[in-house]
Amino acid sequence: MASKVFALVSSGDREAALEVGLVYPLNAAKKGWMDEVKVIFFGPSERVAANDVEVQGRVKELLEAGVEVLACKWCADRMGITGKLEAAGIKVVYVGSIISDLLKEGWASLTF
């Protein structure tokens, strides 16, 4: 059974990110439901994270709870939002190999 989880937030729907995609990871970290938690913004959700103050506030809560928050550099660079994501505290890196490694290591994945 997995004790580590990553949430892949890809939907460009603000509510999917704010009300679902970031809530479980925050609670899983704060309440100790999982040993390790990560959030990865990927694709359209990156635009939401870069431009929505409320989503950025939730990212801050995640970071304070010890959750690593990543975004895809390839996508962010193409959208011209890398600086905004980094200013929000999000680590912008190429995530393809990271996602593959997490899956190989047995991490559970959730997609929103």
Protein backbone atom coordinates (compact mmCIF):
# COMPACT_ATOMS: atom_id res chain seq x y z
CA MET A 1 0.00 0.00 0.00
CA ALA A 2 1.31 3.44 -0.91
CA SER A 3 2.19 5.84 1.88
CA LYS A 4 3.20 8.61 -0.49
CA VAL A 5 0.93 10.49 -2.87
CA PHE A 6 1.24 13.13 -5.53
CA ALA A 7 -1.63 15.14 -6.93
CA LEU A 8 -1.34 15.98 -10.61
CA VAL A 9 -3.43 19.10 -11.10
CA SER A 10 -3.92 19.62 -14.82
CA SER A 11 -7.42 21.04 -15.25
CA GLY A 12 -7.71 24.68 -16.22
CA ASP A 13 -10.90 24.81 -14.15
CA ARG A 14 -10.19 27.02 -11.14
CA GLU A 15 -12.69 25.17 -8.95
CA ALA A 16 -11.10 21.81 -9.75
CA ALA A 17 -7.80 23.13 -8.44
CA LEU A 18 -9.02 25.17 -5.51
CA GLU A 19 -11.87 23.07 -4.16
CA VAL A 20 -10.60 19.57 -4.90
CA GLY A 21 -7.09 19.25 -6.32
CA LEU A 22 -5.37 21.19 -3.55
CA VAL A 23 -7.64 20.31 -0.62
CA TYR A 24 -6.83 16.61 -0.33
CA PRO A 25 -3.05 17.12 -0.51
CA LEU A 26 -3.25 19.85 2.14
CA ASN A 27 -5.28 17.68 4.50
CA ALA A 28 -3.16 14.59 3.80
CA ALA A 29 -0.06 16.52 4.83
CA LYS A 30 -1.50 18.42 7.79
CA LYS A 31 -3.37 15.46 9.27
CA GLY A 32 -0.67 12.87 8.60
CA TRP A 33 -2.83 10.73 6.33
CA MET A 34 0.20 10.11 4.12
CA ASP A 35 3.92 10.06 4.87
CA GLU A 36 4.83 12.32 1.96
CA VAL A 37 2.76 14.54 -0.34
CA LYS A 38 3.58 16.46 -3.52
CA VAL A 39 1.50 18.61 -5.86
CA ILE A 40 2.36 18.98 -9.54
CA PHE A 41 0.69 21.64 -11.68
CA PHE A 42 0.77 20.48 -15.27
CA GLY A 43 -0.60 22.24 -18.35
CA PRO A 44 -3.70 24.47 -18.13
CA SER A 45 -3.71 24.45 -14.32
CA GLU A 46 -0.42 26.33 -14.37
CA ARG A 47 -2.16 29.38 -15.81
CA VAL A 48 -4.66 29.23 -12.93
CA ALA A 49 -1.86 28.94 -10.36
CA ALA A 50 0.03 31.84 -11.92
CA ASN A 51 -2.92 34.22 -11.99
CA ASP A 52 -5.35 33.35 -9.18
CA VAL A 53 -4.61 34.90 -5.78
CA GLU A 54 -6.78 32.40 -3.92
CA VAL A 55 -5.02 29.44 -5.52
CA GLN A 56 -1.69 31.07 -4.65
CA GLY A 57 -2.88 31.33 -1.04
CA ARG A 58 -3.61 27.60 -1.02
CA VAL A 59 -0.15 26.96 -2.48
CA LYS A 60 1.34 28.92 0.41
CA GLU A 61 -0.61 26.73 2.87
CA LEU A 62 0.70 23.62 1.13
CA LEU A 63 4.27 24.85 1.32
CA GLU A 64 3.86 25.69 5.01
CA ALA A 65 2.54 22.14 5.59
CA GLY A 66 5.71 20.71 4.03
CA VAL A 67 4.23 19.79 0.65
CA GLU A 68 6.55 20.16 -2.33
CA VAL A 69 4.72 22.07 -5.06
CA LEU A 70 6.02 21.78 -8.62
CA ALA A 71 5.01 23.04 -12.05
CA CYS A 72 6.11 21.93 -15.49
CA LYS A 73 8.82 24.19 -16.88
CA TRP A 74 8.13 23.24 -20.48
CA CYS A 75 4.48 24.27 -20.18
CA ALA A 76 5.22 27.37 -18.09
CA ASP A 77 7.86 28.63 -20.50
CA ARG A 78 5.51 28.16 -23.47
CA MET A 79 2.79 30.12 -21.64
CA GLY A 80 5.20 32.82 -20.48
CA ILE A 81 4.31 32.36 -16.80
CA THR A 82 7.45 30.83 -15.29
CA GLY A 83 8.27 33.96 -13.27
CA LYS A 84 4.74 34.23 -11.87
CA LEU A 85 4.79 30.62 -10.73
CA GLU A 86 8.18 31.01 -9.10
CA ALA A 87 7.01 34.21 -7.37
CA ALA A 88 4.15 32.16 -5.89
CA GLY A 89 6.70 29.76 -4.37
CA ILE A 90 6.20 27.01 -6.92
CA LYS A 91 9.28 25.09 -8.05
CA VAL A 92 9.29 25.18 -11.86
CA VAL A 93 11.09 22.16 -13.32
CA TYR A 94 10.73 19.63 -16.11
CA VAL A 95 8.30 17.17 -14.53
CA GLY A 96 8.11 14.31 -17.04
CA SER A 97 10.95 12.32 -15.51
CA ILE A 98 9.87 13.29 -11.99
CA ILE A 99 6.37 11.89 -12.55
CA SER A 100 7.86 8.72 -14.06
CA ASP A 101 10.22 8.25 -11.12
CA LEU A 102 7.45 8.79 -8.56
CA LEU A 103 5.32 6.13 -10.24
CA LYS A 104 8.27 3.70 -10.44
CA GLU A 105 8.90 4.29 -6.72
CA GLY A 106 5.32 3.25 -5.89
CA TRP A 107 3.79 6.67 -5.16
CA ALA A 108 0.01 6.82 -5.50
CA SER A 109 -1.21 9.41 -7.98
CA LEU A 110 -4.36 11.48 -8.03
CA THR A 111 -5.34 13.53 -11.07
CA PHE A 112 -7.52 16.62 -10.97
